[in-house]
Amino acid sequence: MIFITAKFRVRPEHADRWPEIAREFTEATRAEPGCLWYDWARSLDDPDEYVLVEAFRDDEAGAAHVGSEHFRTARRELPRYLAETPRIVNAKVDQDDWSELGELAVG
């Protein structure tokens, strides 16, 4: 799978509304057949920063995402709400779902 984590620094005046601002893009991405997950979290240390954790089945699914109409719309619409260009880590991982964290096993 393609595993991506990105940090989005949102302009302070838009930070509280970021989940709503990004909602249409988030929902459209989650509906893509090759999207395994697409989840946002707000930083505990910086209220203007959101972390996106996403995964796509394979290269074809990643290409379909980047080539989609909702991705093109997001490229046009979302930057106005950002304080800087998002930072990203993008890696291919030889698995297709989350693994258990054995060191913190429950039960």
PDB file of N, CA and C in Angstrom:
ATOM      1  N   MET A   1       0.849  -1.182   0.000  1.00  0.00           N
ATOM      2  CA  MET A   1       0.000   0.000   0.000  1.00  0.00           C
ATOM      3  C   MET A   1       0.885   1.233   0.000  1.00  0.00           C
ATOM      4  N   ILE A   2       0.290   2.350  -0.379  1.00  0.00           N
ATOM      5  CA  ILE A   2       0.963   3.642  -0.269  1.00  0.00           C
ATOM      6  C   ILE A   2       0.472   4.277   1.025  1.00  0.00           C
ATOM      7  N   PHE A   3       1.390   4.558   1.924  1.00  0.00           N
ATOM      8  CA  PHE A   3       1.066   5.133   3.233  1.00  0.00           C
ATOM      9  C   PHE A   3       1.593   6.560   3.270  1.00  0.00           C
ATOM     10  N   ILE A   4       0.732   7.499   3.587  1.00  0.00           N
ATOM     11  CA  ILE A   4       1.083   8.916   3.552  1.00  0.00           C
ATOM     12  C   ILE A   4       0.691   9.575   4.868  1.00  0.00           C
ATOM     13  N   THR A   5       1.593  10.375   5.380  1.00  0.00           N
ATOM     14  CA  THR A   5       1.288  11.246   6.511  1.00  0.00           C
ATOM     15  C   THR A   5       1.695  12.652   6.095  1.00  0.00           C
ATOM     16  N   ALA A   6       0.796  13.604   6.300  1.00  0.00           N
ATOM     17  CA  ALA A   6       1.087  14.987   5.917  1.00  0.00           C
ATOM     18  C   ALA A   6       0.681  15.924   7.051  1.00  0.00           C
ATOM     19  N   LYS A   7       1.449  16.990   7.209  1.00  0.00           N
ATOM     20  CA  LYS A   7       1.142  18.011   8.209  1.00  0.00           C
ATOM     21  C   LYS A   7       0.675  19.273   7.494  1.00  0.00           C
ATOM     22  N   PHE A   8      -0.494  19.743   7.896  1.00  0.00           N
ATOM     23  CA  PHE A   8      -1.101  20.931   7.316  1.00  0.00           C
ATOM     24  C   PHE A   8      -1.115  22.036   8.363  1.00  0.00           C
ATOM     25  N   ARG A   9      -0.404  23.121   8.101  1.00  0.00           N
ATOM     26  CA  ARG A   9      -0.448  24.284   8.983  1.00  0.00           C
ATOM     27  C   ARG A   9      -1.503  25.220   8.418  1.00  0.00           C
ATOM     28  N   VAL A  10      -2.599  25.359   9.172  1.00  0.00           N
ATOM     29  CA  VAL A  10      -3.757  26.131   8.739  1.00  0.00           C
ATOM     30  C   VAL A  10      -3.648  27.549   9.300  1.00  0.00           C
ATOM     31  N   ARG A  11      -4.073  28.528   8.538  1.00  0.00           N
ATOM     32  CA  ARG A  11      -4.079  29.902   9.050  1.00  0.00           C
ATOM     33  C   ARG A  11      -4.914  29.933  10.332  1.00  0.00           C
ATOM     34  N   PRO A  12      -4.441  30.624  11.359  1.00  0.00           N
ATOM     35  CA  PRO A  12      -5.123  30.608  12.660  1.00  0.00           C
ATOM     36  C   PRO A  12      -6.607  30.951  12.595  1.00  0.00           C
ATOM     37  N   GLU A  13      -6.973  31.877  11.727  1.00  0.00           N
ATOM     38  CA  GLU A  13      -8.381  32.277  11.654  1.00  0.00           C
ATOM     39  C   GLU A  13      -9.279  31.186  11.044  1.00  0.00           C
ATOM     40  N   HIS A  14      -8.682  30.152  10.460  1.00  0.00           N
ATOM     41  CA  HIS A  14      -9.452  29.064   9.854  1.00  0.00           C
ATOM     42  C   HIS A  14      -9.271  27.726  10.579  1.00  0.00           C
ATOM     43  N   ALA A  15      -8.385  27.685  11.559  1.00  0.00           N
ATOM     44  CA  ALA A  15      -8.006  26.407  12.180  1.00  0.00           C
ATOM     45  C   ALA A  15      -9.194  25.672  12.809  1.00  0.00           C
ATOM     46  N   ASP A  16     -10.050  26.370  13.504  1.00  0.00           N
ATOM     47  CA  ASP A  16     -11.183  25.693  14.146  1.00  0.00           C
ATOM     48  C   ASP A  16     -12.167  25.130  13.128  1.00  0.00           C
ATOM     49  N   ARG A  17     -12.219  25.723  11.950  1.00  0.00           N
ATOM     50  CA  ARG A  17     -13.163  25.292  10.915  1.00  0.00           C
ATOM     51  C   ARG A  17     -12.550  24.326   9.897  1.00  0.00           C
ATOM     52  N   TRP A  18     -11.268  23.990  10.040  1.00  0.00           N
ATOM     53  CA  TRP A  18     -10.604  23.167   9.033  1.00  0.00           C
ATOM     54  C   TRP A  18     -11.347  21.855   8.735  1.00  0.00           C
ATOM     55  N   PRO A  19     -11.835  21.118   9.722  1.00  0.00           N
ATOM     56  CA  PRO A  19     -12.562  19.892   9.369  1.00  0.00           C
ATOM     57  C   PRO A  19     -13.751  20.151   8.438  1.00  0.00           C
ATOM     58  N   GLU A  20     -14.445  21.240   8.638  1.00  0.00           N
ATOM     59  CA  GLU A  20     -15.574  21.571   7.763  1.00  0.00           C
ATOM     60  C   GLU A  20     -15.074  22.049   6.386  1.00  0.00           C
ATOM     61  N   ILE A  21     -14.020  22.842   6.380  1.00  0.00           N
ATOM     62  CA  ILE A  21     -13.448  23.336   5.123  1.00  0.00           C
ATOM     63  C   ILE A  21     -13.001  22.167   4.240  1.00  0.00           C
ATOM     64  N   ALA A  22     -12.387  21.164   4.846  1.00  0.00           N
ATOM     65  CA  ALA A  22     -11.846  20.017   4.100  1.00  0.00           C
ATOM     66  C   ALA A  22     -12.850  18.873   3.957  1.00  0.00           C
ATOM     67  N   ARG A  23     -14.062  19.023   4.491  1.00  0.00           N
ATOM     68  CA  ARG A  23     -15.024  17.915   4.538  1.00  0.00           C
ATOM     69  C   ARG A  23     -15.364  17.333   3.160  1.00  0.00           C
ATOM     70  N   GLU A  24     -15.662  18.163   2.191  1.00  0.00           N
ATOM     71  CA  GLU A  24     -16.054  17.656   0.869  1.00  0.00           C
ATOM     72  C   GLU A  24     -14.932  16.836   0.239  1.00  0.00           C
ATOM     73  N   PHE A  25     -13.711  17.349   0.328  1.00  0.00           N
ATOM     74  CA  PHE A  25     -12.556  16.635  -0.210  1.00  0.00           C
ATOM     75  C   PHE A  25     -12.324  15.332   0.560  1.00  0.00           C
ATOM     76  N   THR A  26     -12.451  15.396   1.875  1.00  0.00           N
ATOM     77  CA  THR A  26     -12.272  14.213   2.713  1.00  0.00           C
ATOM     78  C   THR A  26     -13.283  13.133   2.344  1.00  0.00           C
ATOM     79  N   GLU A  27     -14.541  13.498   2.248  1.00  0.00           N
ATOM     80  CA  GLU A  27     -15.587  12.521   1.934  1.00  0.00           C
ATOM     81  C   GLU A  27     -15.410  11.925   0.542  1.00  0.00           C
ATOM     82  N   ALA A  28     -15.046  12.761  -0.424  1.00  0.00           N
ATOM     83  CA  ALA A  28     -14.833  12.262  -1.789  1.00  0.00           C
ATOM     84  C   ALA A  28     -13.641  11.309  -1.834  1.00  0.00           C
ATOM     85  N   THR A  29     -12.586  11.627  -1.112  1.00  0.00           N
ATOM     86  CA  THR A  29     -11.410  10.760  -1.089  1.00  0.00           C
ATOM     87  C   THR A  29     -11.738   9.440  -0.416  1.00  0.00           C
ATOM     88  N   ARG A  30     -12.436   9.486   0.710  1.00  0.00           N
ATOM     89  CA  ARG A  30     -12.811   8.248   1.398  1.00  0.00           C
ATOM     90  C   ARG A  30     -13.684   7.347   0.532  1.00  0.00           C
ATOM     91  N   ALA A  31     -14.420   7.926  -0.406  1.00  0.00           N
ATOM     92  CA  ALA A  31     -15.305   7.146  -1.282  1.00  0.00           C
ATOM     93  C   ALA A  31     -14.565   6.510  -2.460  1.00  0.00           C
ATOM     94  N   GLU A  32     -13.316   6.867  -2.673  1.00  0.00           N
ATOM     95  CA  GLU A  32     -12.549   6.269  -3.772  1.00  0.00           C
ATOM     96  C   GLU A  32     -12.356   4.774  -3.507  1.00  0.00           C
ATOM     97  N   PRO A  33     -12.517   3.936  -4.531  1.00  0.00           N
ATOM     98  CA  PRO A  33     -12.392   2.493  -4.310  1.00  0.00           C
ATOM     99  C   PRO A  33     -11.014   2.063  -3.798  1.00  0.00           C
ATOM    100  N   GLY A  34      -9.962   2.799  -4.140  1.00  0.00           N
ATOM    101  CA  GLY A  34      -8.617   2.411  -3.713  1.00  0.00           C
ATOM    102  C   GLY A  34      -8.148   3.050  -2.424  1.00  0.00           C
ATOM    103  N   CYS A  35      -8.992   3.860  -1.800  1.00  0.00           N
ATOM    104  CA  CYS A  35      -8.615   4.504  -0.538  1.00  0.00           C
ATOM    105  C   CYS A  35      -8.853   3.535   0.614  1.00  0.00           C
ATOM    106  N   LEU A  36      -7.815   3.256   1.382  1.00  0.00           N
ATOM    107  CA  LEU A  36      -7.950   2.371   2.541  1.00  0.00           C
ATOM    108  C   LEU A  36      -8.386   3.154   3.774  1.00  0.00           C
ATOM    109  N   TRP A  37      -7.833   4.341   3.952  1.00  0.00           N
ATOM    110  CA  TRP A  37      -8.283   5.259   5.006  1.00  0.00           C
ATOM    111  C   TRP A  37      -7.777   6.655   4.714  1.00  0.00           C
ATOM    112  N   TYR A  38      -8.434   7.623   5.329  1.00  0.00           N
ATOM    113  CA  TYR A  38      -8.124   9.034   5.129  1.00  0.00           C
ATOM    114  C   TYR A  38      -8.613   9.751   6.387  1.00  0.00           C
ATOM    115  N   ASP A  39      -7.712   9.968   7.344  1.00  0.00           N
ATOM    116  CA  ASP A  39      -8.087  10.444   8.673  1.00  0.00           C
ATOM    117  C   ASP A  39      -7.297  11.681   9.092  1.00  0.00           C
ATOM    118  N   TRP A  40      -8.022  12.644   9.636  1.00  0.00           N
ATOM    119  CA  TRP A  40      -7.425  13.877  10.149  1.00  0.00           C
ATOM    120  C   TRP A  40      -7.319  13.824  11.673  1.00  0.00           C
ATOM    121  N   ALA A  41      -6.281  14.452  12.208  1.00  0.00           N
ATOM    122  CA  ALA A  41      -6.137  14.654  13.654  1.00  0.00           C
ATOM    123  C   ALA A  41      -5.533  16.033  13.879  1.00  0.00           C
ATOM    124  N   ARG A  42      -5.962  16.677  14.941  1.00  0.00           N
ATOM    125  CA  ARG A  42      -5.419  17.997  15.284  1.00  0.00           C
ATOM    126  C   ARG A  42      -4.259  17.808  16.247  1.00  0.00           C
ATOM    127  N   SER A  43      -3.187  18.537  16.025  1.00  0.00           N
ATOM    128  CA  SER A  43      -2.017  18.453  16.883  1.00  0.00           C
ATOM    129  C   SER A  43      -2.361  18.858  18.311  1.00  0.00           C
ATOM    130  N   LEU A  44      -1.823  18.141  19.268  1.00  0.00           N
ATOM    131  CA  LEU A  44      -1.998  18.506  20.676  1.00  0.00           C
ATOM    132  C   LEU A  44      -1.111  19.686  21.063  1.00  0.00           C
ATOM    133  N   ASP A  45      -0.021  19.899  20.316  1.00  0.00           N
ATOM    134  CA  ASP A  45       0.939  20.955  20.638  1.00  0.00           C
ATOM    135  C   ASP A  45       0.715  22.253  19.881  1.00  0.00           C
ATOM    136  N   ASP A  46       0.062  22.165  18.734  1.00  0.00           N
ATOM    137  CA  ASP A  46      -0.133  23.343  17.894  1.00  0.00           C
ATOM    138  C   ASP A  46      -1.553  23.330  17.337  1.00  0.00           C
ATOM    139  N   PRO A  47      -2.445  24.164  17.841  1.00  0.00           N
ATOM    140  CA  PRO A  47      -3.843  24.135  17.407  1.00  0.00           C
ATOM    141  C   PRO A  47      -4.053  24.539  15.946  1.00  0.00           C
ATOM    142  N   ASP A  48      -3.020  25.064  15.297  1.00  0.00           N
ATOM    143  CA  ASP A  48      -3.131  25.440  13.885  1.00  0.00           C
ATOM    144  C   ASP A  48      -2.638  24.328  12.953  1.00  0.00           C
ATOM    145  N   GLU A  49      -2.217  23.206  13.521  1.00  0.00           N
ATOM    146  CA  GLU A  49      -1.677  22.125  12.703  1.00  0.00           C
ATOM    147  C   GLU A  49      -2.590  20.900  12.747  1.00  0.00           C
ATOM    148  N   TYR A  50      -2.857  20.363  11.554  1.00  0.00           N
ATOM    149  CA  TYR A  50      -3.606  19.120  11.415  1.00  0.00           C
ATOM    150  C   TYR A  50      -2.692  18.095  10.758  1.00  0.00           C
ATOM    151  N   VAL A  51      -2.816  16.862  11.196  1.00  0.00           N
ATOM    152  CA  VAL A  51      -2.044  15.762  10.625  1.00  0.00           C
ATOM    153  C   VAL A  51      -3.015  14.852   9.877  1.00  0.00           C
ATOM    154  N   LEU A  52      -2.680  14.552   8.656  1.00  0.00           N
ATOM    155  CA  LEU A  52      -3.481  13.675   7.810  1.00  0.00           C
ATOM    156  C   LEU A  52      -2.761  12.343   7.678  1.00  0.00           C
ATOM    157  N   VAL A  53      -3.469  11.257   7.953  1.00  0.00           N
ATOM    158  CA  VAL A  53      -2.935   9.908   7.768  1.00  0.00           C
ATOM    159  C   VAL A  53      -3.825   9.243   6.729  1.00  0.00           C
ATOM    160  N   GLU A  54      -3.216   8.848   5.620  1.00  0.00           N
ATOM    161  CA  GLU A  54      -3.990   8.271   4.522  1.00  0.00           C
ATOM    162  C   GLU A  54      -3.255   7.085   3.922  1.00  0.00           C
ATOM    163  N   ALA A  55      -4.015   6.204   3.303  1.00  0.00           N
ATOM    164  CA  ALA A  55      -3.413   5.046   2.640  1.00  0.00           C
ATOM    165  C   ALA A  55      -4.241   4.691   1.418  1.00  0.00           C
ATOM    166  N   PHE A  56      -3.529   4.256   0.384  1.00  0.00           N
ATOM    167  CA  PHE A  56      -4.158   3.818  -0.858  1.00  0.00           C
ATOM    168  C   PHE A  56      -3.657   2.419  -1.199  1.00  0.00           C
ATOM    169  N   ARG A  57      -4.513   1.632  -1.790  1.00  0.00           N
ATOM    170  CA  ARG A  57      -4.256   0.221  -2.071  1.00  0.00           C
ATOM    171  C   ARG A  57      -2.945  -0.010  -2.827  1.00  0.00           C
ATOM    172  N   ASP A  58      -2.681   0.817  -3.862  1.00  0.00           N
ATOM    173  CA  ASP A  58      -1.510   0.596  -4.710  1.00  0.00           C
ATOM    174  C   ASP A  58      -1.247   1.849  -5.546  1.00  0.00           C
ATOM    175  N   ASP A  59      -0.263   1.764  -6.430  1.00  0.00           N
ATOM    176  CA  ASP A  59       0.099   2.909  -7.273  1.00  0.00           C
ATOM    177  C   ASP A  59      -1.073   3.388  -8.123  1.00  0.00           C
ATOM    178  N   GLU A  60      -1.850   2.456  -8.639  1.00  0.00           N
ATOM    179  CA  GLU A  60      -2.985   2.832  -9.477  1.00  0.00           C
ATOM    180  C   GLU A  60      -4.012   3.631  -8.674  1.00  0.00           C
ATOM    181  N   ALA A  61      -4.266   3.202  -7.442  1.00  0.00           N
ATOM    182  CA  ALA A  61      -5.218   3.930  -6.592  1.00  0.00           C
ATOM    183  C   ALA A  61      -4.684   5.317  -6.245  1.00  0.00           C
ATOM    184  N   GLY A  62      -3.387   5.415  -6.003  1.00  0.00           N
ATOM    185  CA  GLY A  62      -2.782   6.720  -5.732  1.00  0.00           C
ATOM    186  C   GLY A  62      -2.879   7.643  -6.937  1.00  0.00           C
ATOM    187  N   ALA A  63      -2.642   7.093  -8.119  1.00  0.00           N
ATOM    188  CA  ALA A  63      -2.738   7.892  -9.338  1.00  0.00           C
ATOM    189  C   ALA A  63      -4.176   8.332  -9.592  1.00  0.00           C
ATOM    190  N   ALA A  64      -5.140   7.438  -9.328  1.00  0.00           N
ATOM    191  CA  ALA A  64      -6.547   7.807  -9.499  1.00  0.00           C
ATOM    192  C   ALA A  64      -6.924   8.940  -8.546  1.00  0.00           C
ATOM    193  N   HIS A  65      -6.400   8.903  -7.333  1.00  0.00           N
ATOM    194  CA  HIS A  65      -6.670   9.968  -6.361  1.00  0.00           C
ATOM    195  C   HIS A  65      -6.142  11.308  -6.873  1.00  0.00           C
ATOM    196  N   VAL A  66      -4.882  11.327  -7.259  1.00  0.00           N
ATOM    197  CA  VAL A  66      -4.257  12.576  -7.712  1.00  0.00           C
ATOM    198  C   VAL A  66      -4.887  13.070  -9.021  1.00  0.00           C
ATOM    199  N   GLY A  67      -5.436  12.177  -9.808  1.00  0.00           N
ATOM    200  CA  GLY A  67      -6.061  12.560 -11.064  1.00  0.00           C
ATOM    201  C   GLY A  67      -7.542  12.880 -10.970  1.00  0.00           C
ATOM    202  N   SER A  68      -8.103  12.762  -9.777  1.00  0.00           N
ATOM    203  CA  SER A  68      -9.547  12.957  -9.619  1.00  0.00           C
ATOM    204  C   SER A  68      -9.949  14.433  -9.682  1.00  0.00           C
ATOM    205  N   GLU A  69     -11.205  14.648 -10.021  1.00  0.00           N
ATOM    206  CA  GLU A  69     -11.741  16.005 -10.064  1.00  0.00           C
ATOM    207  C   GLU A  69     -11.717  16.644  -8.668  1.00  0.00           C
ATOM    208  N   HIS A  70     -12.047  15.883  -7.628  1.00  0.00           N
ATOM    209  CA  HIS A  70     -12.033  16.470  -6.283  1.00  0.00           C
ATOM    210  C   HIS A  70     -10.623  16.852  -5.844  1.00  0.00           C
ATOM    211  N   PHE A  71      -9.602  16.140  -6.334  1.00  0.00           N
ATOM    212  CA  PHE A  71      -8.220  16.529  -6.021  1.00  0.00           C
ATOM    213  C   PHE A  71      -7.880  17.842  -6.733  1.00  0.00           C
ATOM    214  N   ARG A  72      -8.293  17.968  -7.990  1.00  0.00           N
ATOM    215  CA  ARG A  72      -8.039  19.224  -8.720  1.00  0.00           C
ATOM    216  C   ARG A  72      -8.749  20.392  -8.034  1.00  0.00           C
ATOM    217  N   THR A  73      -9.968  20.166  -7.579  1.00  0.00           N
ATOM    218  CA  THR A  73     -10.713  21.216  -6.869  1.00  0.00           C
ATOM    219  C   THR A  73      -9.999  21.589  -5.579  1.00  0.00           C
ATOM    220  N   ALA A  74      -9.537  20.600  -4.835  1.00  0.00           N
ATOM    221  CA  ALA A  74      -8.823  20.873  -3.583  1.00  0.00           C
ATOM    222  C   ALA A  74      -7.549  21.674  -3.833  1.00  0.00           C
ATOM    223  N   ARG A  75      -6.846  21.372  -4.902  1.00  0.00           N
ATOM    224  CA  ARG A  75      -5.622  22.127  -5.237  1.00  0.00           C
ATOM    225  C   ARG A  75      -5.936  23.596  -5.497  1.00  0.00           C
ATOM    226  N   ARG A  76      -7.109  23.864  -6.044  1.00  0.00           N
ATOM    227  CA  ARG A  76      -7.517  25.250  -6.300  1.00  0.00           C
ATOM    228  C   ARG A  76      -8.035  25.932  -5.040  1.00  0.00           C
ATOM    229  N   GLU A  77      -8.817  25.220  -4.231  1.00  0.00           N
ATOM    230  CA  GLU A  77      -9.565  25.831  -3.137  1.00  0.00           C
ATOM    231  C   GLU A  77      -8.846  25.849  -1.781  1.00  0.00           C
ATOM    232  N   LEU A  78      -8.156  24.782  -1.425  1.00  0.00           N
ATOM    233  CA  LEU A  78      -7.641  24.662  -0.060  1.00  0.00           C
ATOM    234  C   LEU A  78      -6.422  25.530   0.265  1.00  0.00           C
ATOM    235  N   PRO A  79      -5.514  25.812  -0.668  1.00  0.00           N
ATOM    236  CA  PRO A  79      -4.333  26.594  -0.297  1.00  0.00           C
ATOM    237  C   PRO A  79      -4.630  27.949   0.344  1.00  0.00           C
ATOM    238  N   ARG A  80      -5.731  28.569   0.017  1.00  0.00           N
ATOM    239  CA  ARG A  80      -6.041  29.890   0.596  1.00  0.00           C
ATOM    240  C   ARG A  80      -6.213  29.829   2.119  1.00  0.00           C
ATOM    241  N   TYR A  81      -6.482  28.631   2.657  1.00  0.00           N
ATOM    242  CA  TYR A  81      -6.681  28.461   4.096  1.00  0.00           C
ATOM    243  C   TYR A  81      -5.401  28.050   4.826  1.00  0.00           C
ATOM    244  N   LEU A  82      -4.343  27.798   4.077  1.00  0.00           N
ATOM    245  CA  LEU A  82      -3.104  27.284   4.653  1.00  0.00           C
ATOM    246  C   LEU A  82      -2.083  28.382   4.877  1.00  0.00           C
ATOM    247  N   ALA A  83      -1.296  28.231   5.951  1.00  0.00           N
ATOM    248  CA  ALA A  83      -0.239  29.182   6.270  1.00  0.00           C
ATOM    249  C   ALA A  83       1.051  28.850   5.520  1.00  0.00           C
ATOM    250  N   GLU A  84       1.198  27.604   5.106  1.00  0.00           N
ATOM    251  CA  GLU A  84       2.401  27.171   4.381  1.00  0.00           C
ATOM    252  C   GLU A  84       2.070  25.896   3.604  1.00  0.00           C
ATOM    253  N   THR A  85       2.974  25.514   2.724  1.00  0.00           N
ATOM    254  CA  THR A  85       2.823  24.286   1.964  1.00  0.00           C
ATOM    255  C   THR A  85       2.875  23.091   2.913  1.00  0.00           C
ATOM    256  N   PRO A  86       1.925  22.175   2.820  1.00  0.00           N
ATOM    257  CA  PRO A  86       1.958  20.998   3.694  1.00  0.00           C
ATOM    258  C   PRO A  86       3.247  20.191   3.510  1.00  0.00           C
ATOM    259  N   ARG A  87       3.645  19.528   4.583  1.00  0.00           N
ATOM    260  CA  ARG A  87       4.829  18.655   4.579  1.00  0.00           C
ATOM    261  C   ARG A  87       4.347  17.209   4.590  1.00  0.00           C
ATOM    262  N   ILE A  88       5.068  16.330   3.891  1.00  0.00           N
ATOM    263  CA  ILE A  88       4.561  14.980   3.657  1.00  0.00           C
ATOM    264  C   ILE A  88       5.645  13.919   3.812  1.00  0.00           C
ATOM    265  N   VAL A  89       5.220  12.755   4.273  1.00  0.00           N
ATOM    266  CA  VAL A  89       6.027  11.536   4.215  1.00  0.00           C
ATOM    267  C   VAL A  89       5.189  10.546   3.418  1.00  0.00           C
ATOM    268  N   ASN A  90       5.779   9.980   2.379  1.00  0.00           N
ATOM    269  CA  ASN A  90       5.073   9.089   1.460  1.00  0.00           C
ATOM    270  C   ASN A  90       5.922   7.835   1.304  1.00  0.00           C
ATOM    271  N   ALA A  91       5.359   6.672   1.644  1.00  0.00           N
ATOM    272  CA  ALA A  91       6.134   5.438   1.568  1.00  0.00           C
ATOM    273  C   ALA A  91       5.255   4.282   1.098  1.00  0.00           C
ATOM    274  N   LYS A  92       5.889   3.328   0.435  1.00  0.00           N
ATOM    275  CA  LYS A  92       5.209   2.080   0.113  1.00  0.00           C
ATOM    276  C   LYS A  92       5.470   1.124   1.276  1.00  0.00           C
ATOM    277  N   VAL A  93       4.404   0.478   1.731  1.00  0.00           N
ATOM    278  CA  VAL A  93       4.482  -0.421   2.874  1.00  0.00           C
ATOM    279  C   VAL A  93       3.905  -1.769   2.455  1.00  0.00           C
ATOM    280  N   ASP A  94       4.583  -2.838   2.817  1.00  0.00           N
ATOM    281  CA  ASP A  94       4.158  -4.177   2.430  1.00  0.00           C
ATOM    282  C   ASP A  94       3.120  -4.717   3.423  1.00  0.00           C
ATOM    283  N   GLN A  95       1.953  -4.114   3.425  1.00  0.00           N
ATOM    284  CA  GLN A  95       0.794  -4.578   4.187  1.00  0.00           C
ATOM    285  C   GLN A  95      -0.419  -3.869   3.634  1.00  0.00           C
ATOM    286  N   ASP A  96      -1.614  -4.260   4.074  1.00  0.00           N
ATOM    287  CA  ASP A  96      -2.815  -3.644   3.529  1.00  0.00           C
ATOM    288  C   ASP A  96      -3.792  -3.182   4.603  1.00  0.00           C
ATOM    289  N   ASP A  97      -3.326  -3.144   5.848  1.00  0.00           N
ATOM    290  CA  ASP A  97      -4.145  -2.663   6.951  1.00  0.00           C
ATOM    291  C   ASP A  97      -3.226  -2.353   8.125  1.00  0.00           C
ATOM    292  N   TRP A  98      -3.797  -1.854   9.195  1.00  0.00           N
ATOM    293  CA  TRP A  98      -3.051  -1.576  10.408  1.00  0.00           C
ATOM    294  C   TRP A  98      -2.644  -2.901  11.059  1.00  0.00           C
ATOM    295  N   SER A  99      -1.468  -2.933  11.679  1.00  0.00           N
ATOM    296  CA  SER A  99      -1.033  -4.069  12.474  1.00  0.00           C
ATOM    297  C   SER A  99      -1.219  -3.714  13.944  1.00  0.00           C
ATOM    298  N   GLU A 100      -1.296  -4.733  14.789  1.00  0.00           N
ATOM    299  CA  GLU A 100      -1.403  -4.473  16.225  1.00  0.00           C
ATOM    300  C   GLU A 100      -0.042  -4.039  16.778  1.00  0.00           C
ATOM    301  N   LEU A 101      -0.086  -3.145  17.741  1.00  0.00           N
ATOM    302  CA  LEU A 101       1.111  -2.703  18.452  1.00  0.00           C
ATOM    303  C   LEU A 101       1.332  -3.675  19.608  1.00  0.00           C
ATOM    304  N   GLY A 102       2.110  -4.711  19.365  1.00  0.00           N
ATOM    305  CA  GLY A 102       2.289  -5.795  20.316  1.00  0.00           C
ATOM    306  C   GLY A 102       2.812  -5.361  21.677  1.00  0.00           C
ATOM    307  N   GLU A 103       3.618  -4.305  21.705  1.00  0.00           N
ATOM    308  CA  GLU A 103       4.192  -3.854  22.969  1.00  0.00           C
ATOM    309  C   GLU A 103       3.129  -3.295  23.921  1.00  0.00           C
ATOM    310  N   LEU A 104       1.961  -2.960  23.396  1.00  0.00           N
ATOM    311  CA  LEU A 104       0.875  -2.451  24.226  1.00  0.00           C
ATOM    312  C   LEU A 104      -0.372  -3.330  24.087  1.00  0.00           C
ATOM    313  N   ALA A 105      -0.158  -4.624  23.952  1.00  0.00           N
ATOM    314  CA  ALA A 105      -1.256  -5.559  23.765  1.00  0.00           C
ATOM    315  C   ALA A 105      -2.257  -5.474  24.924  1.00  0.00           C
ATOM    316  N   VAL A 106      -3.516  -5.524  24.574  1.00  0.00           N
ATOM    317  CA  VAL A 106      -4.591  -5.472  25.563  1.00  0.00           C
ATOM    318  C   VAL A 106      -5.213  -6.866  25.649  1.00  0.00           C
ATOM    319  N   GLY A 107      -5.385  -7.319  26.897  1.00  0.00           N
ATOM    320  CA  GLY A 107      -6.067  -8.614  27.118  1.00  0.00           C
ATOM    321  C   GLY A 107      -5.175  -9.737  27.049  1.00  0.00           C
TER     322      GLY A 107
END
